[in-house]
Amino acid sequence: MKNSKSPLRLRELSETEVRLCSNFDTQIRTNEIPADATPFTHRAGNLFKIQYSVNWNDEDPKLEKDYVNQSRVMYNFMTNYVSKNPRGAFLNYRDLDIGAMAGTGKNAYRSGKVNGEKHFTRDN
């Protein structure tokens, strides 16, 4: 794989561990449902939701830089095909269930809540 500053071609992209997982059509009814009615905040004007995935199968710390670089290369490659200003994104489907759950019980909820609040905003 070439470095991230060189142009990336689809053939080279296929050699990475990064996968473009899904294109979900989001225009079915999302504009009809109020933003505060469901936890899905990415609404008006968005035709698709694109999910990237890195198959990080090797635990060797020496490969960490390569895996992270592959993610960045894919993200940069997609720049010409996605919205701009802002480029809407959210990391790992942040929500109350997936947030950082340090502790147990009420403490786990409080620590995870911050991630959910970043995602479930009323102005989206």
PDB file of N, CA and C in Angstrom:
ATOM      1  N   MET A   1       0.837  -1.174   0.000  1.00  0.00           N
ATOM      2  CA  MET A   1       0.000   0.000   0.000  1.00  0.00           C
ATOM      3  C   MET A   1       0.884   1.240   0.000  1.00  0.00           C
ATOM      4  N   LYS A   2       0.513   2.243  -0.775  1.00  0.00           N
ATOM      5  CA  LYS A   2       1.279   3.483  -0.826  1.00  0.00           C
ATOM      6  C   LYS A   2       0.973   4.324   0.400  1.00  0.00           C
ATOM      7  N   ASN A   3       1.834   5.311   0.653  1.00  0.00           N
ATOM      8  CA  ASN A   3       1.570   6.153   1.819  1.00  0.00           C
ATOM      9  C   ASN A   3       0.313   6.985   1.585  1.00  0.00           C
ATOM     10  N   SER A   4      -0.221   7.545   2.673  1.00  0.00           N
ATOM     11  CA  SER A   4      -1.519   8.209   2.598  1.00  0.00           C
ATOM     12  C   SER A   4      -1.497   9.503   1.797  1.00  0.00           C
ATOM     13  N   LYS A   5      -0.321  10.018   1.419  1.00  0.00           N
ATOM     14  CA  LYS A   5      -0.253  11.247   0.629  1.00  0.00           C
ATOM     15  C   LYS A   5      -0.389  10.974  -0.865  1.00  0.00           C
ATOM     16  N   SER A   6      -0.183   9.748  -1.287  1.00  0.00           N
ATOM     17  CA  SER A   6      -0.286   9.437  -2.708  1.00  0.00           C
ATOM     18  C   SER A   6      -1.731   9.110  -3.062  1.00  0.00           C
ATOM     19  N   PRO A   7      -2.112   9.309  -4.326  1.00  0.00           N
ATOM     20  CA  PRO A   7      -3.475   8.976  -4.731  1.00  0.00           C
ATOM     21  C   PRO A   7      -3.740   7.487  -4.518  1.00  0.00           C
ATOM     22  N   LEU A   8      -4.917   7.194  -4.046  1.00  0.00           N
ATOM     23  CA  LEU A   8      -5.284   5.805  -3.790  1.00  0.00           C
ATOM     24  C   LEU A   8      -6.210   5.332  -4.897  1.00  0.00           C
ATOM     25  N   ARG A   9      -5.948   4.182  -5.406  1.00  0.00           N
ATOM     26  CA  ARG A   9      -6.799   3.593  -6.429  1.00  0.00           C
ATOM     27  C   ARG A   9      -7.589   2.464  -5.806  1.00  0.00           C
ATOM     28  N   LEU A  10      -8.723   2.137  -6.412  1.00  0.00           N
ATOM     29  CA  LEU A  10      -9.563   1.075  -5.859  1.00  0.00           C
ATOM     30  C   LEU A  10      -8.807  -0.237  -5.709  1.00  0.00           C
ATOM     31  N   ARG A  11      -7.948  -0.557  -6.645  1.00  0.00           N
ATOM     32  CA  ARG A  11      -7.180  -1.799  -6.553  1.00  0.00           C
ATOM     33  C   ARG A  11      -6.303  -1.786  -5.300  1.00  0.00           C
ATOM     34  N   GLU A  12      -5.648  -0.646  -5.035  1.00  0.00           N
ATOM     35  CA  GLU A  12      -4.815  -0.534  -3.842  1.00  0.00           C
ATOM     36  C   GLU A  12      -5.665  -0.584  -2.579  1.00  0.00           C
ATOM     37  N   LEU A  13      -6.832   0.021  -2.647  1.00  0.00           N
ATOM     38  CA  LEU A  13      -7.731   0.007  -1.507  1.00  0.00           C
ATOM     39  C   LEU A  13      -8.133  -1.419  -1.151  1.00  0.00           C
ATOM     40  N   SER A  14      -8.313  -2.244  -2.144  1.00  0.00           N
ATOM     41  CA  SER A  14      -8.716  -3.627  -1.883  1.00  0.00           C
ATOM     42  C   SER A  14      -7.620  -4.419  -1.186  1.00  0.00           C
ATOM     43  N   GLU A  15      -6.393  -3.913  -1.202  1.00  0.00           N
ATOM     44  CA  GLU A  15      -5.286  -4.599  -0.535  1.00  0.00           C
ATOM     45  C   GLU A  15      -5.208  -4.264   0.948  1.00  0.00           C
ATOM     46  N   THR A  16      -5.982  -3.300   1.415  1.00  0.00           N
ATOM     47  CA  THR A  16      -5.954  -2.933   2.825  1.00  0.00           C
ATOM     48  C   THR A  16      -6.885  -3.834   3.619  1.00  0.00           C
ATOM     49  N   GLU A  17      -6.801  -3.718   4.933  1.00  0.00           N
ATOM     50  CA  GLU A  17      -7.690  -4.447   5.830  1.00  0.00           C
ATOM     51  C   GLU A  17      -8.981  -3.667   6.086  1.00  0.00           C
ATOM     52  N   VAL A  18      -9.075  -2.453   5.551  1.00  0.00           N
ATOM     53  CA  VAL A  18     -10.248  -1.623   5.769  1.00  0.00           C
ATOM     54  C   VAL A  18     -11.349  -2.045   4.814  1.00  0.00           C
ATOM     55  N   ARG A  19     -12.549  -2.123   5.318  1.00  0.00           N
ATOM     56  CA  ARG A  19     -13.683  -2.507   4.487  1.00  0.00           C
ATOM     57  C   ARG A  19     -14.776  -1.447   4.590  1.00  0.00           C
ATOM     58  N   LEU A  20     -15.365  -1.167   3.466  1.00  0.00           N
ATOM     59  CA  LEU A  20     -16.537  -0.313   3.419  1.00  0.00           C
ATOM     60  C   LEU A  20     -17.707  -1.250   3.654  1.00  0.00           C
ATOM     61  N   CYS A  21     -18.225  -1.237   4.860  1.00  0.00           N
ATOM     62  CA  CYS A  21     -19.186  -2.264   5.255  1.00  0.00           C
ATOM     63  C   CYS A  21     -20.551  -2.107   4.619  1.00  0.00           C
ATOM     64  N   SER A  22     -21.111  -0.936   4.690  1.00  0.00           N
ATOM     65  CA  SER A  22     -22.509  -0.831   4.310  1.00  0.00           C
ATOM     66  C   SER A  22     -22.843   0.555   3.803  1.00  0.00           C
ATOM     67  N   ASN A  23     -23.773   0.608   2.913  1.00  0.00           N
ATOM     68  CA  ASN A  23     -24.410   1.859   2.515  1.00  0.00           C
ATOM     69  C   ASN A  23     -25.877   1.702   2.873  1.00  0.00           C
ATOM     70  N   PHE A  24     -26.299   2.351   3.933  1.00  0.00           N
ATOM     71  CA  PHE A  24     -27.678   2.238   4.354  1.00  0.00           C
ATOM     72  C   PHE A  24     -28.464   3.406   3.783  1.00  0.00           C
ATOM     73  N   ASP A  25     -29.540   3.129   3.086  1.00  0.00           N
ATOM     74  CA  ASP A  25     -30.404   4.187   2.584  1.00  0.00           C
ATOM     75  C   ASP A  25     -31.146   4.769   3.778  1.00  0.00           C
ATOM     76  N   THR A  26     -30.896   6.036   4.082  1.00  0.00           N
ATOM     77  CA  THR A  26     -31.510   6.648   5.262  1.00  0.00           C
ATOM     78  C   THR A  26     -32.687   7.553   4.924  1.00  0.00           C
ATOM     79  N   GLN A  27     -33.066   7.655   3.673  1.00  0.00           N
ATOM     80  CA  GLN A  27     -34.127   8.586   3.295  1.00  0.00           C
ATOM     81  C   GLN A  27     -35.520   7.967   3.304  1.00  0.00           C
ATOM     82  N   ILE A  28     -35.643   6.737   3.723  1.00  0.00           N
ATOM     83  CA  ILE A  28     -36.938   6.070   3.650  1.00  0.00           C
ATOM     84  C   ILE A  28     -38.004   6.864   4.390  1.00  0.00           C
ATOM     85  N   ARG A  29     -37.808   7.103   5.692  1.00  0.00           N
ATOM     86  CA  ARG A  29     -38.786   7.883   6.445  1.00  0.00           C
ATOM     87  C   ARG A  29     -38.140   8.786   7.479  1.00  0.00           C
ATOM     88  N   THR A  30     -36.832   8.866   7.514  1.00  0.00           N
ATOM     89  CA  THR A  30     -36.185   9.585   8.613  1.00  0.00           C
ATOM     90  C   THR A  30     -36.567  11.059   8.688  1.00  0.00           C
ATOM     91  N   ASN A  31     -36.869  11.687   7.579  1.00  0.00           N
ATOM     92  CA  ASN A  31     -37.257  13.101   7.619  1.00  0.00           C
ATOM     93  C   ASN A  31     -38.638  13.299   8.233  1.00  0.00           C
ATOM     94  N   GLU A  32     -39.439  12.232   8.299  1.00  0.00           N
ATOM     95  CA  GLU A  32     -40.788  12.328   8.861  1.00  0.00           C
ATOM     96  C   GLU A  32     -40.806  12.136  10.374  1.00  0.00           C
ATOM     97  N   ILE A  33     -39.742  11.598  10.938  1.00  0.00           N
ATOM     98  CA  ILE A  33     -39.697  11.265  12.360  1.00  0.00           C
ATOM     99  C   ILE A  33     -38.908  12.344  13.094  1.00  0.00           C
ATOM    100  N   PRO A  34     -39.479  12.937  14.149  1.00  0.00           N
ATOM    101  CA  PRO A  34     -38.762  13.981  14.886  1.00  0.00           C
ATOM    102  C   PRO A  34     -37.430  13.474  15.443  1.00  0.00           C
ATOM    103  N   ALA A  35     -36.430  14.354  15.477  1.00  0.00           N
ATOM    104  CA  ALA A  35     -35.088  13.967  15.925  1.00  0.00           C
ATOM    105  C   ALA A  35     -35.075  13.446  17.354  1.00  0.00           C
ATOM    106  N   ASP A  36     -35.993  13.932  18.205  1.00  0.00           N
ATOM    107  CA  ASP A  36     -35.991  13.476  19.594  1.00  0.00           C
ATOM    108  C   ASP A  36     -36.858  12.237  19.815  1.00  0.00           C
ATOM    109  N   ALA A  37     -37.420  11.677  18.752  1.00  0.00           N
ATOM    110  CA  ALA A  37     -38.261  10.487  18.887  1.00  0.00           C
ATOM    111  C   ALA A  37     -37.463   9.189  18.874  1.00  0.00           C
ATOM    112  N   THR A  38     -36.311   9.196  18.260  1.00  0.00           N
ATOM    113  CA  THR A  38     -35.470   8.001  18.186  1.00  0.00           C
ATOM    114  C   THR A  38     -34.014   8.412  18.366  1.00  0.00           C
ATOM    115  N   PRO A  39     -33.142   7.460  18.664  1.00  0.00           N
ATOM    116  CA  PRO A  39     -31.739   7.804  18.841  1.00  0.00           C
ATOM    117  C   PRO A  39     -30.959   8.001  17.549  1.00  0.00           C
ATOM    118  N   PHE A  40     -31.585   7.904  16.398  1.00  0.00           N
ATOM    119  CA  PHE A  40     -30.894   8.092  15.125  1.00  0.00           C
ATOM    120  C   PHE A  40     -30.916   9.568  14.781  1.00  0.00           C
ATOM    121  N   THR A  41     -29.768  10.232  14.899  1.00  0.00           N
ATOM    122  CA  THR A  41     -29.741  11.693  14.767  1.00  0.00           C
ATOM    123  C   THR A  41     -29.383  12.203  13.387  1.00  0.00           C
ATOM    124  N   HIS A  42     -28.894  11.361  12.519  1.00  0.00           N
ATOM    125  CA  HIS A  42     -28.430  11.806  11.207  1.00  0.00           C
ATOM    126  C   HIS A  42     -29.598  11.749  10.234  1.00  0.00           C
ATOM    127  N   ARG A  43     -30.194  12.891   9.934  1.00  0.00           N
ATOM    128  CA  ARG A  43     -31.470  12.916   9.234  1.00  0.00           C
ATOM    129  C   ARG A  43     -31.467  13.696   7.927  1.00  0.00           C
ATOM    130  N   ALA A  44     -32.116  14.810   7.907  1.00  0.00           N
ATOM    131  CA  ALA A  44     -32.392  15.554   6.684  1.00  0.00           C
ATOM    132  C   ALA A  44     -31.143  15.773   5.836  1.00  0.00           C
ATOM    133  N   GLY A  45     -31.267  15.474   4.555  1.00  0.00           N
ATOM    134  CA  GLY A  45     -30.185  15.709   3.622  1.00  0.00           C
ATOM    135  C   GLY A  45     -29.178  14.583   3.495  1.00  0.00           C
ATOM    136  N   ASN A  46     -29.267  13.588   4.339  1.00  0.00           N
ATOM    137  CA  ASN A  46     -28.346  12.454   4.264  1.00  0.00           C
ATOM    138  C   ASN A  46     -28.982  11.324   3.473  1.00  0.00           C
ATOM    139  N   LEU A  47     -28.360  10.954   2.377  1.00  0.00           N
ATOM    140  CA  LEU A  47     -28.898   9.879   1.554  1.00  0.00           C
ATOM    141  C   LEU A  47     -28.430   8.508   2.019  1.00  0.00           C
ATOM    142  N   PHE A  48     -27.205   8.428   2.483  1.00  0.00           N
ATOM    143  CA  PHE A  48     -26.640   7.149   2.898  1.00  0.00           C
ATOM    144  C   PHE A  48     -25.824   7.310   4.162  1.00  0.00           C
ATOM    145  N   LYS A  49     -25.721   6.240   4.886  1.00  0.00           N
ATOM    146  CA  LYS A  49     -24.813   6.166   6.023  1.00  0.00           C
ATOM    147  C   LYS A  49     -23.748   5.152   5.639  1.00  0.00           C
ATOM    148  N   ILE A  50     -22.495   5.547   5.718  1.00  0.00           N
ATOM    149  CA  ILE A  50     -21.395   4.669   5.322  1.00  0.00           C
ATOM    150  C   ILE A  50     -20.640   4.247   6.568  1.00  0.00           C
ATOM    151  N   GLN A  51     -20.384   2.973   6.665  1.00  0.00           N
ATOM    152  CA  GLN A  51     -19.656   2.450   7.820  1.00  0.00           C
ATOM    153  C   GLN A  51     -18.353   1.824   7.351  1.00  0.00           C
ATOM    154  N   TYR A  52     -17.252   2.209   7.996  1.00  0.00           N
ATOM    155  CA  TYR A  52     -15.949   1.634   7.683  1.00  0.00           C
ATOM    156  C   TYR A  52     -15.583   0.637   8.779  1.00  0.00           C
ATOM    157  N   SER A  53     -14.828  -0.350   8.424  1.00  0.00           N
ATOM    158  CA  SER A  53     -14.405  -1.344   9.402  1.00  0.00           C
ATOM    159  C   SER A  53     -12.970  -1.760   9.116  1.00  0.00           C
ATOM    160  N   VAL A  54     -12.181  -1.900  10.167  1.00  0.00           N
ATOM    161  CA  VAL A  54     -10.820  -2.409  10.031  1.00  0.00           C
ATOM    162  C   VAL A  54     -10.776  -3.777  10.682  1.00  0.00           C
ATOM    163  N   ASN A  55     -10.315  -4.761   9.947  1.00  0.00           N
ATOM    164  CA  ASN A  55     -10.140  -6.098  10.504  1.00  0.00           C
ATOM    165  C   ASN A  55      -8.795  -6.138  11.215  1.00  0.00           C
ATOM    166  N   TRP A  56      -8.821  -5.838  12.483  1.00  0.00           N
ATOM    167  CA  TRP A  56      -7.620  -5.738  13.300  1.00  0.00           C
ATOM    168  C   TRP A  56      -7.396  -7.094  13.956  1.00  0.00           C
ATOM    169  N   ASN A  57      -6.945  -8.044  13.161  1.00  0.00           N
ATOM    170  CA  ASN A  57      -6.880  -9.435  13.604  1.00  0.00           C
ATOM    171  C   ASN A  57      -5.603  -9.805  14.339  1.00  0.00           C
ATOM    172  N   ASP A  58      -4.578  -9.007  14.235  1.00  0.00           N
ATOM    173  CA  ASP A  58      -3.293  -9.339  14.840  1.00  0.00           C
ATOM    174  C   ASP A  58      -3.043  -8.417  16.027  1.00  0.00           C
ATOM    175  N   GLU A  59      -2.700  -8.983  17.168  1.00  0.00           N
ATOM    176  CA  GLU A  59      -2.500  -8.188  18.373  1.00  0.00           C
ATOM    177  C   GLU A  59      -1.082  -7.639  18.503  1.00  0.00           C
ATOM    178  N   ASP A  60      -0.268  -7.807  17.509  1.00  0.00           N
ATOM    179  CA  ASP A  60       1.120  -7.344  17.548  1.00  0.00           C
ATOM    180  C   ASP A  60       1.157  -5.813  17.596  1.00  0.00           C
ATOM    181  N   PRO A  61       1.687  -5.226  18.681  1.00  0.00           N
ATOM    182  CA  PRO A  61       1.748  -3.759  18.789  1.00  0.00           C
ATOM    183  C   PRO A  61       2.519  -3.103  17.644  1.00  0.00           C
ATOM    184  N   LYS A  62       3.420  -3.829  17.026  1.00  0.00           N
ATOM    185  CA  LYS A  62       4.197  -3.274  15.918  1.00  0.00           C
ATOM    186  C   LYS A  62       3.311  -2.989  14.706  1.00  0.00           C
ATOM    187  N   LEU A  63       2.174  -3.666  14.611  1.00  0.00           N
ATOM    188  CA  LEU A  63       1.276  -3.477  13.472  1.00  0.00           C
ATOM    189  C   LEU A  63       0.232  -2.390  13.717  1.00  0.00           C
ATOM    190  N   GLU A  64       0.158  -1.877  14.930  1.00  0.00           N
ATOM    191  CA  GLU A  64      -0.853  -0.877  15.267  1.00  0.00           C
ATOM    192  C   GLU A  64      -0.799   0.323  14.324  1.00  0.00           C
ATOM    193  N   LYS A  65       0.392   0.838  14.069  1.00  0.00           N
ATOM    194  CA  LYS A  65       0.550   2.000  13.187  1.00  0.00           C
ATOM    195  C   LYS A  65       0.000   1.704  11.791  1.00  0.00           C
ATOM    196  N   ASP A  66       0.235   0.499  11.290  1.00  0.00           N
ATOM    197  CA  ASP A  66      -0.255   0.125   9.968  1.00  0.00           C
ATOM    198  C   ASP A  66      -1.783   0.071   9.930  1.00  0.00           C
ATOM    199  N   TYR A  67      -2.386  -0.522  10.961  1.00  0.00           N
ATOM    200  CA  TYR A  67      -3.849  -0.589  11.007  1.00  0.00           C
ATOM    201  C   TYR A  67      -4.466   0.809  11.074  1.00  0.00           C
ATOM    202  N   VAL A  68      -3.906   1.661  11.910  1.00  0.00           N
ATOM    203  CA  VAL A  68      -4.416   3.028  12.026  1.00  0.00           C
ATOM    204  C   VAL A  68      -4.235   3.762  10.704  1.00  0.00           C
ATOM    205  N   ASN A  69      -3.096   3.598  10.053  1.00  0.00           N
ATOM    206  CA  ASN A  69      -2.850   4.236   8.760  1.00  0.00           C
ATOM    207  C   ASN A  69      -3.855   3.763   7.711  1.00  0.00           C
ATOM    208  N   GLN A  70      -4.171   2.476   7.712  1.00  0.00           N
ATOM    209  CA  GLN A  70      -5.144   1.965   6.746  1.00  0.00           C
ATOM    210  C   GLN A  70      -6.502   2.635   6.936  1.00  0.00           C
ATOM    211  N   SER A  71      -6.895   2.859   8.177  1.00  0.00           N
ATOM    212  CA  SER A  71      -8.154   3.559   8.455  1.00  0.00           C
ATOM    213  C   SER A  71      -8.116   4.975   7.906  1.00  0.00           C
ATOM    214  N   ARG A  72      -7.009   5.657   8.114  1.00  0.00           N
ATOM    215  CA  ARG A  72      -6.870   7.037   7.635  1.00  0.00           C
ATOM    216  C   ARG A  72      -6.860   7.103   6.113  1.00  0.00           C
ATOM    217  N   VAL A  73      -6.206   6.149   5.480  1.00  0.00           N
ATOM    218  CA  VAL A  73      -6.163   6.108   4.017  1.00  0.00           C
ATOM    219  C   VAL A  73      -7.578   5.954   3.461  1.00  0.00           C
ATOM    220  N   MET A  74      -8.357   5.056   4.033  1.00  0.00           N
ATOM    221  CA  MET A  74      -9.730   4.844   3.573  1.00  0.00           C
ATOM    222  C   MET A  74     -10.569   6.098   3.791  1.00  0.00           C
ATOM    223  N   TYR A  75     -10.457   6.691   4.954  1.00  0.00           N
ATOM    224  CA  TYR A  75     -11.211   7.896   5.273  1.00  0.00           C
ATOM    225  C   TYR A  75     -10.871   9.011   4.285  1.00  0.00           C
ATOM    226  N   ASN A  76      -9.584   9.199   4.008  1.00  0.00           N
ATOM    227  CA  ASN A  76      -9.160  10.219   3.038  1.00  0.00           C
ATOM    228  C   ASN A  76      -9.644   9.898   1.632  1.00  0.00           C
ATOM    229  N   PHE A  77      -9.610   8.635   1.260  1.00  0.00           N
ATOM    230  CA  PHE A  77     -10.075   8.217  -0.058  1.00  0.00           C
ATOM    231  C   PHE A  77     -11.546   8.583  -0.260  1.00  0.00           C
ATOM    232  N   MET A  78     -12.354   8.422   0.769  1.00  0.00           N
ATOM    233  CA  MET A  78     -13.793   8.667   0.665  1.00  0.00           C
ATOM    234  C   MET A  78     -14.158  10.150   0.680  1.00  0.00           C
ATOM    235  N   THR A  79     -13.208  11.030   0.966  1.00  0.00           N
ATOM    236  CA  THR A  79     -13.489  12.458   1.093  1.00  0.00           C
ATOM    237  C   THR A  79     -14.235  13.023  -0.111  1.00  0.00           C
ATOM    238  N   ASN A  80     -13.871  12.634  -1.302  1.00  0.00           N
ATOM    239  CA  ASN A  80     -14.528  13.165  -2.505  1.00  0.00           C
ATOM    240  C   ASN A  80     -15.946  12.644  -2.697  1.00  0.00           C
ATOM    241  N   TYR A  81     -16.352  11.655  -1.927  1.00  0.00           N
ATOM    242  CA  TYR A  81     -17.648  11.016  -2.131  1.00  0.00           C
ATOM    243  C   TYR A  81     -18.630  11.257  -0.993  1.00  0.00           C
ATOM    244  N   VAL A  82     -18.258  12.051  -0.011  1.00  0.00           N
ATOM    245  CA  VAL A  82     -19.128  12.281   1.141  1.00  0.00           C
ATOM    246  C   VAL A  82     -19.376  13.771   1.322  1.00  0.00           C
ATOM    247  N   SER A  83     -20.321  14.103   2.213  1.00  0.00           N
ATOM    248  CA  SER A  83     -20.669  15.499   2.453  1.00  0.00           C
ATOM    249  C   SER A  83     -19.500  16.262   3.068  1.00  0.00           C
ATOM    250  N   LYS A  84     -19.555  17.570   2.893  1.00  0.00           N
ATOM    251  CA  LYS A  84     -18.520  18.446   3.445  1.00  0.00           C
ATOM    252  C   LYS A  84     -19.197  19.556   4.241  1.00  0.00           C
ATOM    253  N   ASN A  85     -18.469  20.107   5.175  1.00  0.00           N
ATOM    254  CA  ASN A  85     -18.886  21.286   5.944  1.00  0.00           C
ATOM    255  C   ASN A  85     -20.283  21.186   6.538  1.00  0.00           C
ATOM    256  N   PRO A  86     -20.538  20.401   7.533  1.00  0.00           N
ATOM    257  CA  PRO A  86     -19.578  19.500   8.178  1.00  0.00           C
ATOM    258  C   PRO A  86     -19.594  18.125   7.531  1.00  0.00           C
ATOM    259  N   ARG A  87     -18.533  17.413   7.737  1.00  0.00           N
ATOM    260  CA  ARG A  87     -18.486  16.008   7.339  1.00  0.00           C
ATOM    261  C   ARG A  87     -19.000  15.232   8.542  1.00  0.00           C
ATOM    262  N   GLY A  88     -20.266  14.890   8.503  1.00  0.00           N
ATOM    263  CA  GLY A  88     -20.892  14.245   9.644  1.00  0.00           C
ATOM    264  C   GLY A  88     -20.310  12.879   9.915  1.00  0.00           C
ATOM    265  N   ALA A  89     -20.020  12.626  11.171  1.00  0.00           N
ATOM    266  CA  ALA A  89     -19.476  11.323  11.542  1.00  0.00           C
ATOM    267  C   ALA A  89     -19.716  11.074  13.013  1.00  0.00           C
ATOM    268  N   PHE A  90     -19.776   9.823  13.346  1.00  0.00           N
ATOM    269  CA  PHE A  90     -19.782   9.459  14.746  1.00  0.00           C
ATOM    270  C   PHE A  90     -18.979   8.184  14.888  1.00  0.00           C
ATOM    271  N   LEU A  91     -18.346   8.031  16.026  1.00  0.00           N
ATOM    272  CA  LEU A  91     -17.386   6.963  16.238  1.00  0.00           C
ATOM    273  C   LEU A  91     -18.014   5.801  16.988  1.00  0.00           C
ATOM    274  N   ASN A  92     -17.921   4.614  16.419  1.00  0.00           N
ATOM    275  CA  ASN A  92     -18.342   3.393  17.094  1.00  0.00           C
ATOM    276  C   ASN A  92     -19.784   3.419  17.585  1.00  0.00           C
ATOM    277  N   TYR A  93     -20.662   4.093  16.887  1.00  0.00           N
ATOM    278  CA  TYR A  93     -22.064   4.160  17.296  1.00  0.00           C
ATOM    279  C   TYR A  93     -22.176   4.514  18.774  1.00  0.00           C
ATOM    280  N   ARG A  94     -21.529   5.596  19.164  1.00  0.00           N
ATOM    281  CA  ARG A  94     -21.558   5.991  20.576  1.00  0.00           C
ATOM    282  C   ARG A  94     -22.994   6.079  21.059  1.00  0.00           C
ATOM    283  N   ASP A  95     -23.282   5.409  22.114  1.00  0.00           N
ATOM    284  CA  ASP A  95     -24.574   5.524  22.764  1.00  0.00           C
ATOM    285  C   ASP A  95     -24.425   5.075  24.206  1.00  0.00           C
ATOM    286  N   LEU A  96     -25.503   5.073  24.931  1.00  0.00           N
ATOM    287  CA  LEU A  96     -25.417   4.732  26.346  1.00  0.00           C
ATOM    288  C   LEU A  96     -24.967   3.298  26.569  1.00  0.00           C
ATOM    289  N   ASP A  97     -25.226   2.410  25.632  1.00  0.00           N
ATOM    290  CA  ASP A  97     -24.826   1.016  25.801  1.00  0.00           C
ATOM    291  C   ASP A  97     -23.375   0.779  25.430  1.00  0.00           C
ATOM    292  N   ILE A  98     -22.837   1.536  24.479  1.00  0.00           N
ATOM    293  CA  ILE A  98     -21.495   1.282  23.982  1.00  0.00           C
ATOM    294  C   ILE A  98     -20.473   2.240  24.583  1.00  0.00           C
ATOM    295  N   GLY A  99     -20.910   3.239  25.312  1.00  0.00           N
ATOM    296  CA  GLY A  99     -19.984   4.205  25.895  1.00  0.00           C
ATOM    297  C   GLY A  99     -18.997   3.566  26.850  1.00  0.00           C
ATOM    298  N   ALA A 100     -18.078   4.364  27.345  1.00  0.00           N
ATOM    299  CA  ALA A 100     -17.071   3.869  28.287  1.00  0.00           C
ATOM    300  C   ALA A 100     -17.759   3.502  29.589  1.00  0.00           C
ATOM    301  N   MET A 101     -17.810   2.233  29.898  1.00  0.00           N
ATOM    302  CA  MET A 101     -18.548   1.769  31.063  1.00  0.00           C
ATOM    303  C   MET A 101     -17.610   1.414  32.208  1.00  0.00           C
ATOM    304  N   ALA A 102     -17.007   2.424  32.810  1.00  0.00           N
ATOM    305  CA  ALA A 102     -16.154   2.178  33.970  1.00  0.00           C
ATOM    306  C   ALA A 102     -17.037   1.951  35.190  1.00  0.00           C
ATOM    307  N   GLY A 103     -16.712   0.976  35.992  1.00  0.00           N
ATOM    308  CA  GLY A 103     -17.488   0.703  37.190  1.00  0.00           C
ATOM    309  C   GLY A 103     -18.715  -0.139  36.901  1.00  0.00           C
ATOM    310  N   THR A 104     -19.615  -0.178  37.880  1.00  0.00           N
ATOM    311  CA  THR A 104     -20.850  -0.958  37.738  1.00  0.00           C
ATOM    312  C   THR A 104     -22.023  -0.121  38.211  1.00  0.00           C
ATOM    313  N   GLY A 105     -23.215  -0.568  37.897  1.00  0.00           N
ATOM    314  CA  GLY A 105     -24.430   0.098  38.360  1.00  0.00           C
ATOM    315  C   GLY A 105     -24.520   1.539  37.904  1.00  0.00           C
ATOM    316  N   LYS A 106     -24.835   2.440  38.846  1.00  0.00           N
ATOM    317  CA  LYS A 106     -24.993   3.861  38.526  1.00  0.00           C
ATOM    318  C   LYS A 106     -23.707   4.465  37.975  1.00  0.00           C
ATOM    319  N   ASN A 107     -22.555   4.030  38.483  1.00  0.00           N
ATOM    320  CA  ASN A 107     -21.283   4.563  37.988  1.00  0.00           C
ATOM    321  C   ASN A 107     -21.075   4.219  36.519  1.00  0.00           C
ATOM    322  N   ALA A 108     -21.451   3.015  36.111  1.00  0.00           N
ATOM    323  CA  ALA A 108     -21.315   2.614  34.710  1.00  0.00           C
ATOM    324  C   ALA A 108     -22.208   3.481  33.827  1.00  0.00           C
ATOM    325  N   TYR A 109     -23.414   3.743  34.279  1.00  0.00           N
ATOM    326  CA  TYR A 109     -24.329   4.582  33.513  1.00  0.00           C
ATOM    327  C   TYR A 109     -23.765   5.990  33.358  1.00  0.00           C
ATOM    328  N   ARG A 110     -23.289   6.571  34.457  1.00  0.00           N
ATOM    329  CA  ARG A 110     -22.758   7.941  34.403  1.00  0.00           C
ATOM    330  C   ARG A 110     -21.560   8.048  33.466  1.00  0.00           C
ATOM    331  N   SER A 111     -20.673   7.054  33.508  1.00  0.00           N
ATOM    332  CA  SER A 111     -19.480   7.127  32.658  1.00  0.00           C
ATOM    333  C   SER A 111     -19.828   6.926  31.188  1.00  0.00           C
ATOM    334  N   GLY A 112     -20.845   6.132  30.881  1.00  0.00           N
ATOM    335  CA  GLY A 112     -21.245   5.909  29.497  1.00  0.00           C
ATOM    336  C   GLY A 112     -22.146   6.994  28.959  1.00  0.00           C
ATOM    337  N   LYS A 113     -22.843   7.683  29.849  1.00  0.00           N
ATOM    338  CA  LYS A 113     -23.811   8.703  29.447  1.00  0.00           C
ATOM    339  C   LYS A 113     -23.178   9.809  28.610  1.00  0.00           C
ATOM    340  N   VAL A 114     -21.949  10.196  28.929  1.00  0.00           N
ATOM    341  CA  VAL A 114     -21.286  11.276  28.202  1.00  0.00           C
ATOM    342  C   VAL A 114     -21.160  10.944  26.716  1.00  0.00           C
ATOM    343  N   ASN A 115     -20.892   9.693  26.376  1.00  0.00           N
ATOM    344  CA  ASN A 115     -20.795   9.308  24.973  1.00  0.00           C
ATOM    345  C   ASN A 115     -22.149   9.372  24.293  1.00  0.00           C
ATOM    346  N   GLY A 116     -23.187   8.964  24.997  1.00  0.00           N
ATOM    347  CA  GLY A 116     -24.530   9.031  24.441  1.00  0.00           C
ATOM    348  C   GLY A 116     -24.965  10.455  24.183  1.00  0.00           C
ATOM    349  N   GLU A 117     -24.632  11.357  25.088  1.00  0.00           N
ATOM    350  CA  GLU A 117     -25.016  12.756  24.916  1.00  0.00           C
ATOM    351  C   GLU A 117     -24.328  13.386  23.712  1.00  0.00           C
ATOM    352  N   LYS A 118     -23.136  12.926  23.380  1.00  0.00           N
ATOM    353  CA  LYS A 118     -22.446  13.440  22.196  1.00  0.00           C
ATOM    354  C   LYS A 118     -23.193  13.037  20.927  1.00  0.00           C
ATOM    355  N   HIS A 119     -23.832  11.887  20.961  1.00  0.00           N
ATOM    356  CA  HIS A 119     -24.500  11.360  19.767  1.00  0.00           C
ATOM    357  C   HIS A 119     -25.962  11.778  19.688  1.00  0.00           C
ATOM    358  N   PHE A 120     -26.687  11.715  20.807  1.00  0.00           N
ATOM    359  CA  PHE A 120     -28.122  11.986  20.806  1.00  0.00           C
ATOM    360  C   PHE A 120     -28.400  13.447  21.089  1.00  0.00           C
ATOM    361  N   THR A 121     -28.105  14.300  20.131  1.00  0.00           N
ATOM    362  CA  THR A 121     -28.339  15.726  20.318  1.00  0.00           C
ATOM    363  C   THR A 121     -29.676  16.114  19.723  1.00  0.00           C
ATOM    364  N   ARG A 122     -30.310  17.117  20.273  1.00  0.00           N
ATOM    365  CA  ARG A 122     -31.635  17.537  19.818  1.00  0.00           C
ATOM    366  C   ARG A 122     -31.572  18.361  18.532  1.00  0.00           C
ATOM    367  N   ASP A 123     -30.411  18.930  18.222  1.00  0.00           N
ATOM    368  CA  ASP A 123     -30.332  19.804  17.053  1.00  0.00           C
ATOM    369  C   ASP A 123     -29.942  19.073  15.776  1.00  0.00           C
ATOM    370  N   ASN A 124     -29.861  17.763  15.816  1.00  0.00           N
ATOM    371  CA  ASN A 124     -29.552  17.017  14.599  1.00  0.00           C
ATOM    372  C   ASN A 124     -30.830  16.676  13.920  1.00  0.00           C
TER     373      ASN A 124
END
